[in-house]
Amino acid sequence: MALLLFLIVMAIILIAAAIFSIVQKDLLFAVLGTGVISLILSIFFYILQAPDVAITEAAIGIALTTIIFIITIRNTTRDENKYNDDHINKFKTKKDV
């Protein structure tokens, strides 16, 4: 019963982290949200008795991918606040509108 409750809570956190990553405008927070998704997935894999897959997901998904994304965001300009709907509408053709 406790394991089932734990799995339900983890699934809710997984869905919330996925939604957070999708709707987040700040790229750094979106990357951290995907890191949380990878962490929860590695816990799920471990509970499903696949420790090799859990270790791989932890090493690649949490550590390597998140670090590469953070380094990339740090080395580029963070202009996500500068782009709004007016900027996007400038590139739409009259056919799209």
C-alpha atoms as a PDB file:
ATOM      1  CA  MET A   1       0.000   0.000   0.000  1.00  0.00           C
ATOM      2  CA  ALA A   2       2.831   2.396   0.844  1.00  0.00           C
ATOM      3  CA  LEU A   3       4.616   1.520  -2.404  1.00  0.00           C
ATOM      4  CA  LEU A   4       1.468   2.214  -4.410  1.00  0.00           C
ATOM      5  CA  LEU A   5       1.027   5.579  -2.713  1.00  0.00           C
ATOM      6  CA  PHE A   6       4.694   6.385  -3.382  1.00  0.00           C
ATOM      7  CA  LEU A   7       4.301   5.489  -7.076  1.00  0.00           C
ATOM      8  CA  ILE A   8       1.181   7.625  -7.413  1.00  0.00           C
ATOM      9  CA  VAL A   9       2.901  10.622  -5.804  1.00  0.00           C
ATOM     10  CA  MET A  10       5.948  10.161  -8.033  1.00  0.00           C
ATOM     11  CA  ALA A  11       3.733   9.921 -11.133  1.00  0.00           C
ATOM     12  CA  ILE A  12       1.977  13.154 -10.170  1.00  0.00           C
ATOM     13  CA  ILE A  13       5.340  14.871  -9.670  1.00  0.00           C
ATOM     14  CA  LEU A  14       6.498  13.492 -13.038  1.00  0.00           C
ATOM     15  CA  ILE A  15       3.467  14.926 -14.839  1.00  0.00           C
ATOM     16  CA  ALA A  16       3.807  18.251 -13.015  1.00  0.00           C
ATOM     17  CA  ALA A  17       7.500  18.491 -13.939  1.00  0.00           C
ATOM     18  CA  ALA A  18       6.692  17.740 -17.574  1.00  0.00           C
ATOM     19  CA  ILE A  19       4.029  20.450 -17.695  1.00  0.00           C
ATOM     20  CA  PHE A  20       6.378  22.844 -15.898  1.00  0.00           C
ATOM     21  CA  SER A  21       9.111  22.193 -18.472  1.00  0.00           C
ATOM     22  CA  ILE A  22       6.758  22.785 -21.367  1.00  0.00           C
ATOM     23  CA  VAL A  23       5.186  26.043 -20.181  1.00  0.00           C
ATOM     24  CA  GLN A  24       8.332  27.557 -18.646  1.00  0.00           C
ATOM     25  CA  LYS A  25       9.671  30.593 -20.511  1.00  0.00           C
ATOM     26  CA  ASP A  26      13.013  30.629 -18.708  1.00  0.00           C
ATOM     27  CA  LEU A  27      15.253  28.082 -20.407  1.00  0.00           C
ATOM     28  CA  LEU A  28      17.263  27.284 -17.298  1.00  0.00           C
ATOM     29  CA  PHE A  29      14.178  26.325 -15.297  1.00  0.00           C
ATOM     30  CA  ALA A  30      12.896  24.235 -18.214  1.00  0.00           C
ATOM     31  CA  VAL A  31      16.166  22.294 -18.271  1.00  0.00           C
ATOM     32  CA  LEU A  32      15.987  21.763 -14.510  1.00  0.00           C
ATOM     33  CA  GLY A  33      12.439  20.451 -14.992  1.00  0.00           C
ATOM     34  CA  THR A  34      13.676  17.887 -17.499  1.00  0.00           C
ATOM     35  CA  GLY A  35      16.355  16.883 -14.991  1.00  0.00           C
ATOM     36  CA  VAL A  36      13.609  16.201 -12.433  1.00  0.00           C
ATOM     37  CA  ILE A  37      11.793  14.106 -15.036  1.00  0.00           C
ATOM     38  CA  SER A  38      14.922  12.012 -15.601  1.00  0.00           C
ATOM     39  CA  LEU A  39      15.409  11.597 -11.853  1.00  0.00           C
ATOM     40  CA  ILE A  40      11.887  10.297 -11.343  1.00  0.00           C
ATOM     41  CA  LEU A  41      12.188   7.996 -14.348  1.00  0.00           C
ATOM     42  CA  SER A  42      15.389   6.508 -12.958  1.00  0.00           C
ATOM     43  CA  ILE A  43      13.596   5.852  -9.650  1.00  0.00           C
ATOM     44  CA  PHE A  44      10.773   4.159 -11.562  1.00  0.00           C
ATOM     45  CA  PHE A  45      13.262   1.980 -13.445  1.00  0.00           C
ATOM     46  CA  TYR A  46      14.912   0.967 -10.174  1.00  0.00           C
ATOM     47  CA  ILE A  47      11.565   0.039  -8.627  1.00  0.00           C
ATOM     48  CA  LEU A  48      10.768  -2.016 -11.733  1.00  0.00           C
ATOM     49  CA  GLN A  49      13.962  -4.001 -11.026  1.00  0.00           C
ATOM     50  CA  ALA A  50      16.001  -2.619 -13.886  1.00  0.00           C
ATOM     51  CA  PRO A  51      19.007  -1.158 -12.045  1.00  0.00           C
ATOM     52  CA  ASP A  52      21.199  -1.022 -15.154  1.00  0.00           C
ATOM     53  CA  VAL A  53      18.627   1.103 -16.977  1.00  0.00           C
ATOM     54  CA  ALA A  54      18.177   3.260 -13.857  1.00  0.00           C
ATOM     55  CA  ILE A  55      21.906   3.933 -13.604  1.00  0.00           C
ATOM     56  CA  THR A  56      22.100   4.751 -17.311  1.00  0.00           C
ATOM     57  CA  GLU A  57      19.122   7.112 -17.064  1.00  0.00           C
ATOM     58  CA  ALA A  58      20.670   8.790 -14.034  1.00  0.00           C
ATOM     59  CA  ALA A  59      24.061   9.171 -15.684  1.00  0.00           C
ATOM     60  CA  ILE A  60      22.849  10.339 -19.088  1.00  0.00           C
ATOM     61  CA  GLY A  61      19.479  11.945 -18.383  1.00  0.00           C
ATOM     62  CA  ILE A  62      20.184  13.697 -15.119  1.00  0.00           C
ATOM     63  CA  ALA A  63      23.892  14.400 -15.248  1.00  0.00           C
ATOM     64  CA  LEU A  64      25.195  14.602 -18.800  1.00  0.00           C
ATOM     65  CA  THR A  65      22.231  16.055 -20.694  1.00  0.00           C
ATOM     66  CA  THR A  66      21.371  18.588 -18.012  1.00  0.00           C
ATOM     67  CA  ILE A  67      24.981  19.746 -17.725  1.00  0.00           C
ATOM     68  CA  ILE A  68      25.340  20.109 -21.501  1.00  0.00           C
ATOM     69  CA  PHE A  69      22.125  22.139 -21.709  1.00  0.00           C
ATOM     70  CA  ILE A  70      23.155  24.384 -18.802  1.00  0.00           C
ATOM     71  CA  ILE A  71      26.590  25.011 -20.329  1.00  0.00           C
ATOM     72  CA  THR A  72      24.960  25.811 -23.666  1.00  0.00           C
ATOM     73  CA  ILE A  73      22.481  28.230 -22.097  1.00  0.00           C
ATOM     74  CA  ARG A  74      25.269  29.881 -20.129  1.00  0.00           C
ATOM     75  CA  ASN A  75      27.443  30.369 -23.237  1.00  0.00           C
ATOM     76  CA  THR A  76      24.667  31.854 -25.353  1.00  0.00           C
ATOM     77  CA  THR A  77      22.608  34.965 -24.814  1.00  0.00           C
ATOM     78  CA  ARG A  78      19.412  34.495 -22.856  1.00  0.00           C
ATOM     79  CA  ASP A  79      16.922  36.502 -24.883  1.00  0.00           C
ATOM     80  CA  GLU A  80      13.758  34.533 -24.149  1.00  0.00           C
ATOM     81  CA  ASN A  81      12.201  37.558 -22.441  1.00  0.00           C
ATOM     82  CA  LYS A  82      12.862  39.757 -25.461  1.00  0.00           C
ATOM     83  CA  TYR A  83      10.733  37.679 -27.816  1.00  0.00           C
ATOM     84  CA  ASN A  84       7.019  38.135 -27.437  1.00  0.00           C
ATOM     85  CA  ASP A  85       3.952  37.727 -29.626  1.00  0.00           C
ATOM     86  CA  ASP A  86       4.755  40.845 -31.660  1.00  0.00           C
ATOM     87  CA  HIS A  87       8.095  39.363 -32.674  1.00  0.00           C
ATOM     88  CA  ILE A  88       6.467  36.088 -33.696  1.00  0.00           C
ATOM     89  CA  ASN A  89       3.693  37.854 -35.631  1.00  0.00           C
ATOM     90  CA  LYS A  90       6.312  39.760 -37.624  1.00  0.00           C
ATOM     91  CA  PHE A  91       7.373  36.499 -39.288  1.00  0.00           C
ATOM     92  CA  LYS A  92       3.882  35.274 -40.111  1.00  0.00           C
ATOM     93  CA  THR A  93       2.739  35.637 -43.667  1.00  0.00           C
ATOM     94  CA  LYS A  94      -0.656  36.987 -44.633  1.00  0.00           C
ATOM     95  CA  LYS A  95      -1.663  33.441 -45.504  1.00  0.00           C
ATOM     96  CA  ASP A  96      -1.002  32.307 -41.874  1.00  0.00           C
ATOM     97  CA  VAL A  97      -3.088  35.100 -40.358  1.00  0.00           C
END
